[in-house]
Amino acid sequence: MGGWSCLIYIWYTLLYVNAVVFLFLFIRELFYDYIRVSVFWGCVLKAHEEEV
């Protein structure tokens, strides 16, 4: 039984690490998208103001 509990522990640890990494990457992508959109609209608005 000792071997099984060790395997289960490793399995859960891997699942936990995968979930954390996935969340980290997901949030980072959202953050980068937000920055990209903000920069894009900032440039668009600035260009528009210069035209007017």
PDB file of N, CA and C in Angstrom:
ATOM      1  N   MET A   1       0.830  -1.208   0.000  1.00  0.00           N
ATOM      2  CA  MET A   1       0.000   0.000   0.000  1.00  0.00           C
ATOM      3  C   MET A   1       0.870   1.266   0.000  1.00  0.00           C
ATOM      4  N   GLY A   2       2.041   1.184   0.600  1.00  0.00           N
ATOM      5  CA  GLY A   2       2.907   2.358   0.675  1.00  0.00           C
ATOM      6  C   GLY A   2       3.260   2.880  -0.703  1.00  0.00           C
ATOM      7  N   GLY A   3       3.530   1.947  -1.634  1.00  0.00           N
ATOM      8  CA  GLY A   3       3.889   2.350  -2.991  1.00  0.00           C
ATOM      9  C   GLY A   3       2.756   3.090  -3.678  1.00  0.00           C
ATOM     10  N   TRP A   4       1.517   2.602  -3.462  1.00  0.00           N
ATOM     11  CA  TRP A   4       0.370   3.234  -4.112  1.00  0.00           C
ATOM     12  C   TRP A   4       0.159   4.658  -3.605  1.00  0.00           C
ATOM     13  N   SER A   5       0.235   4.844  -2.302  1.00  0.00           N
ATOM     14  CA  SER A   5       0.005   6.185  -1.754  1.00  0.00           C
ATOM     15  C   SER A   5       1.074   7.145  -2.279  1.00  0.00           C
ATOM     16  N   CYS A   6       2.289   6.632  -2.459  1.00  0.00           N
ATOM     17  CA  CYS A   6       3.364   7.471  -2.997  1.00  0.00           C
ATOM     18  C   CYS A   6       3.039   7.860  -4.440  1.00  0.00           C
ATOM     19  N   LEU A   7       2.569   6.872  -5.237  1.00  0.00           N
ATOM     20  CA  LEU A   7       2.216   7.149  -6.630  1.00  0.00           C
ATOM     21  C   LEU A   7       1.078   8.160  -6.705  1.00  0.00           C
ATOM     22  N   ILE A   8       0.068   7.966  -5.861  1.00  0.00           N
ATOM     23  CA  ILE A   8      -1.082   8.878  -5.859  1.00  0.00           C
ATOM     24  C   ILE A   8      -0.619  10.286  -5.476  1.00  0.00           C
ATOM     25  N   TYR A   9       0.281  10.355  -4.503  1.00  0.00           N
ATOM     26  CA  TYR A   9       0.808  11.653  -4.071  1.00  0.00           C
ATOM     27  C   TYR A   9       1.527  12.348  -5.227  1.00  0.00           C
ATOM     28  N   ILE A  10       2.365  11.594  -5.943  1.00  0.00           N
ATOM     29  CA  ILE A  10       3.091  12.151  -7.093  1.00  0.00           C
ATOM     30  C   ILE A  10       2.103  12.599  -8.166  1.00  0.00           C
ATOM     31  N   TRP A  11       1.072  11.770  -8.417  1.00  0.00           N
ATOM     32  CA  TRP A  11       0.054  12.076  -9.425  1.00  0.00           C
ATOM     33  C   TRP A  11      -0.649  13.387  -9.096  1.00  0.00           C
ATOM     34  N   TYR A  12      -1.080  13.524  -7.832  1.00  0.00           N
ATOM     35  CA  TYR A  12      -1.768  14.747  -7.429  1.00  0.00           C
ATOM     36  C   TYR A  12      -0.842  15.954  -7.499  1.00  0.00           C
ATOM     37  N   THR A  13       0.422  15.747  -7.143  1.00  0.00           N
ATOM     38  CA  THR A  13       1.389  16.846  -7.213  1.00  0.00           C
ATOM     39  C   THR A  13       1.538  17.313  -8.654  1.00  0.00           C
ATOM     40  N   LEU A  14       1.641  16.354  -9.587  1.00  0.00           N
ATOM     41  CA  LEU A  14       1.772  16.710 -11.002  1.00  0.00           C
ATOM     42  C   LEU A  14       0.529  17.443 -11.491  1.00  0.00           C
ATOM     43  N   LEU A  15      -0.649  16.960 -11.090  1.00  0.00           N
ATOM     44  CA  LEU A  15      -1.890  17.618 -11.498  1.00  0.00           C
ATOM     45  C   LEU A  15      -1.912  19.053 -10.984  1.00  0.00           C
ATOM     46  N   TYR A  16      -1.515  19.220  -9.714  1.00  0.00           N
ATOM     47  CA  TYR A  16      -1.516  20.539  -9.091  1.00  0.00           C
ATOM     48  C   TYR A  16      -0.557  21.475  -9.819  1.00  0.00           C
ATOM     49  N   VAL A  17       0.645  20.977 -10.108  1.00  0.00           N
ATOM     50  CA  VAL A  17       1.643  21.788 -10.813  1.00  0.00           C
ATOM     51  C   VAL A  17       1.124  22.164 -12.201  1.00  0.00           C
ATOM     52  N   ASN A  18       0.524  21.190 -12.896  1.00  0.00           N
ATOM     53  CA  ASN A  18      -0.022  21.470 -14.227  1.00  0.00           C
ATOM     54  C   ASN A  18      -1.091  22.554 -14.156  1.00  0.00           C
ATOM     55  N   ALA A  19      -1.973  22.459 -13.165  1.00  0.00           N
ATOM     56  CA  ALA A  19      -3.047  23.441 -13.020  1.00  0.00           C
ATOM     57  C   ALA A  19      -2.472  24.832 -12.759  1.00  0.00           C
ATOM     58  N   VAL A  20      -1.464  24.899 -11.890  1.00  0.00           N
ATOM     59  CA  VAL A  20      -0.862  26.193 -11.563  1.00  0.00           C
ATOM     60  C   VAL A  20      -0.182  26.795 -12.788  1.00  0.00           C
ATOM     61  N   VAL A  21       0.572  25.967 -13.513  1.00  0.00           N
ATOM     62  CA  VAL A  21       1.267  26.448 -14.714  1.00  0.00           C
ATOM     63  C   VAL A  21       0.254  26.902 -15.757  1.00  0.00           C
ATOM     64  N   PHE A  22      -0.811  26.115 -15.936  1.00  0.00           N
ATOM     65  CA  PHE A  22      -1.840  26.465 -16.913  1.00  0.00           C
ATOM     66  C   PHE A  22      -2.478  27.807 -16.551  1.00  0.00           C
ATOM     67  N   LEU A  23      -2.836  27.965 -15.278  1.00  0.00           N
ATOM     68  CA  LEU A  23      -3.449  29.216 -14.834  1.00  0.00           C
ATOM     69  C   LEU A  23      -2.493  30.385 -15.044  1.00  0.00           C
ATOM     70  N   PHE A  24      -1.224  30.161 -14.699  1.00  0.00           N
ATOM     71  CA  PHE A  24      -0.225  31.220 -14.847  1.00  0.00           C
ATOM     72  C   PHE A  24      -0.123  31.663 -16.306  1.00  0.00           C
ATOM     73  N   LEU A  25      -0.026  30.685 -17.211  1.00  0.00           N
ATOM     74  CA  LEU A  25       0.096  31.003 -18.634  1.00  0.00           C
ATOM     75  C   LEU A  25      -1.171  31.678 -19.143  1.00  0.00           C
ATOM     76  N   PHE A  26      -2.343  31.180 -18.692  1.00  0.00           N
ATOM     77  CA  PHE A  26      -3.621  31.726 -19.127  1.00  0.00           C
ATOM     78  C   PHE A  26      -3.745  33.191 -18.703  1.00  0.00           C
ATOM     79  N   ILE A  27      -3.425  33.465 -17.429  1.00  0.00           N
ATOM     80  CA  ILE A  27      -3.523  34.829 -16.915  1.00  0.00           C
ATOM     81  C   ILE A  27      -2.506  35.732 -17.611  1.00  0.00           C
ATOM     82  N   ARG A  28      -1.301  35.181 -17.866  1.00  0.00           N
ATOM     83  CA  ARG A  28      -0.276  35.970 -18.532  1.00  0.00           C
ATOM     84  C   ARG A  28      -0.731  36.341 -19.945  1.00  0.00           C
ATOM     85  N   GLU A  29      -1.348  35.396 -20.647  1.00  0.00           N
ATOM     86  CA  GLU A  29      -1.853  35.674 -21.997  1.00  0.00           C
ATOM     87  C   GLU A  29      -2.923  36.762 -21.950  1.00  0.00           C
ATOM     88  N   LEU A  30      -3.844  36.654 -20.982  1.00  0.00           N
ATOM     89  CA  LEU A  30      -4.888  37.666 -20.851  1.00  0.00           C
ATOM     90  C   LEU A  30      -4.260  39.026 -20.590  1.00  0.00           C
ATOM     91  N   PHE A  31      -3.248  39.041 -19.713  1.00  0.00           N
ATOM     92  CA  PHE A  31      -2.566  40.281 -19.354  1.00  0.00           C
ATOM     93  C   PHE A  31      -1.903  40.895 -20.580  1.00  0.00           C
ATOM     94  N   TYR A  32      -1.210  40.055 -21.366  1.00  0.00           N
ATOM     95  CA  TYR A  32      -0.543  40.548 -22.570  1.00  0.00           C
ATOM     96  C   TYR A  32      -1.565  41.059 -23.585  1.00  0.00           C
ATOM     97  N   ASP A  33      -2.681  40.339 -23.720  1.00  0.00           N
ATOM     98  CA  ASP A  33      -3.724  40.781 -24.649  1.00  0.00           C
ATOM     99  C   ASP A  33      -4.252  42.142 -24.213  1.00  0.00           C
ATOM    100  N   TYR A  34      -4.452  42.308 -22.901  1.00  0.00           N
ATOM    101  CA  TYR A  34      -4.958  43.570 -22.366  1.00  0.00           C
ATOM    102  C   TYR A  34      -3.983  44.703 -22.679  1.00  0.00           C
ATOM    103  N   ILE A  35      -2.686  44.444 -22.480  1.00  0.00           N
ATOM    104  CA  ILE A  35      -1.675  45.462 -22.764  1.00  0.00           C
ATOM    105  C   ILE A  35      -1.665  45.785 -24.256  1.00  0.00           C
ATOM    106  N   ARG A  36      -1.728  44.733 -25.091  1.00  0.00           N
ATOM    107  CA  ARG A  36      -1.700  44.934 -26.535  1.00  0.00           C
ATOM    108  C   ARG A  36      -2.887  45.788 -26.973  1.00  0.00           C
ATOM    109  N   VAL A  37      -4.063  45.462 -26.480  1.00  0.00           N
ATOM    110  CA  VAL A  37      -5.271  46.211 -26.846  1.00  0.00           C
ATOM    111  C   VAL A  37      -5.165  47.650 -26.347  1.00  0.00           C
ATOM    112  N   SER A  38      -4.670  47.826 -25.121  1.00  0.00           N
ATOM    113  CA  SER A  38      -4.535  49.169 -24.562  1.00  0.00           C
ATOM    114  C   SER A  38      -3.573  50.005 -25.396  1.00  0.00           C
ATOM    115  N   VAL A  39      -2.428  49.413 -25.759  1.00  0.00           N
ATOM    116  CA  VAL A  39      -1.441  50.130 -26.565  1.00  0.00           C
ATOM    117  C   VAL A  39      -2.031  50.461 -27.931  1.00  0.00           C
ATOM    118  N   PHE A  40      -2.741  49.480 -28.511  1.00  0.00           N
ATOM    119  CA  PHE A  40      -3.344  49.688 -29.826  1.00  0.00           C
ATOM    120  C   PHE A  40      -4.316  50.858 -29.788  1.00  0.00           C
ATOM    121  N   TRP A  41      -5.248  50.838 -28.814  1.00  0.00           N
ATOM    122  CA  TRP A  41      -6.231  51.911 -28.744  1.00  0.00           C
ATOM    123  C   TRP A  41      -5.584  53.234 -28.370  1.00  0.00           C
ATOM    124  N   GLY A  42      -4.532  53.173 -27.558  1.00  0.00           N
ATOM    125  CA  GLY A  42      -3.813  54.399 -27.215  1.00  0.00           C
ATOM    126  C   GLY A  42      -3.230  55.035 -28.463  1.00  0.00           C
ATOM    127  N   CYS A  43      -2.626  54.216 -29.331  1.00  0.00           N
ATOM    128  CA  CYS A  43      -2.045  54.721 -30.584  1.00  0.00           C
ATOM    129  C   CYS A  43      -3.137  55.257 -31.497  1.00  0.00           C
ATOM    130  N   VAL A  44      -4.243  54.531 -31.588  1.00  0.00           N
ATOM    131  CA  VAL A  44      -5.343  54.950 -32.463  1.00  0.00           C
ATOM    132  C   VAL A  44      -5.899  56.290 -31.997  1.00  0.00           C
ATOM    133  N   LEU A  45      -6.132  56.418 -30.694  1.00  0.00           N
ATOM    134  CA  LEU A  45      -6.688  57.666 -30.169  1.00  0.00           C
ATOM    135  C   LEU A  45      -5.702  58.815 -30.338  1.00  0.00           C
ATOM    136  N   LYS A  46      -4.422  58.542 -30.123  1.00  0.00           N
ATOM    137  CA  LYS A  46      -3.412  59.585 -30.269  1.00  0.00           C
ATOM    138  C   LYS A  46      -3.359  60.056 -31.724  1.00  0.00           C
ATOM    139  N   ALA A  47      -3.394  59.116 -32.668  1.00  0.00           N
ATOM    140  CA  ALA A  47      -3.372  59.457 -34.090  1.00  0.00           C
ATOM    141  C   ALA A  47      -4.615  60.270 -34.442  1.00  0.00           C
ATOM    142  N   HIS A  48      -5.740  59.884 -33.866  1.00  0.00           N
ATOM    143  CA  HIS A  48      -6.997  60.575 -34.143  1.00  0.00           C
ATOM    144  C   HIS A  48      -6.934  62.007 -33.611  1.00  0.00           C
ATOM    145  N   GLU A  49      -6.364  62.179 -32.423  1.00  0.00           N
ATOM    146  CA  GLU A  49      -6.258  63.521 -31.841  1.00  0.00           C
ATOM    147  C   GLU A  49      -5.355  64.408 -32.693  1.00  0.00           C
ATOM    148  N   GLU A  50      -4.278  63.825 -33.230  1.00  0.00           N
ATOM    149  CA  GLU A  50      -3.355  64.612 -34.045  1.00  0.00           C
ATOM    150  C   GLU A  50      -4.017  65.055 -35.351  1.00  0.00           C
ATOM    151  N   GLU A  51      -4.927  64.218 -35.867  1.00  0.00           N
ATOM    152  CA  GLU A  51      -5.625  64.577 -37.106  1.00  0.00           C
ATOM    153  C   GLU A  51      -6.545  65.765 -36.871  1.00  0.00           C
ATOM    154  N   VAL A  52      -7.198  65.771 -35.708  1.00  0.00           N
ATOM    155  CA  VAL A  52      -8.184  66.821 -35.402  1.00  0.00           C
ATOM    156  C   VAL A  52      -7.541  68.131 -35.028  1.00  0.00           C
TER     157      VAL A  52
END
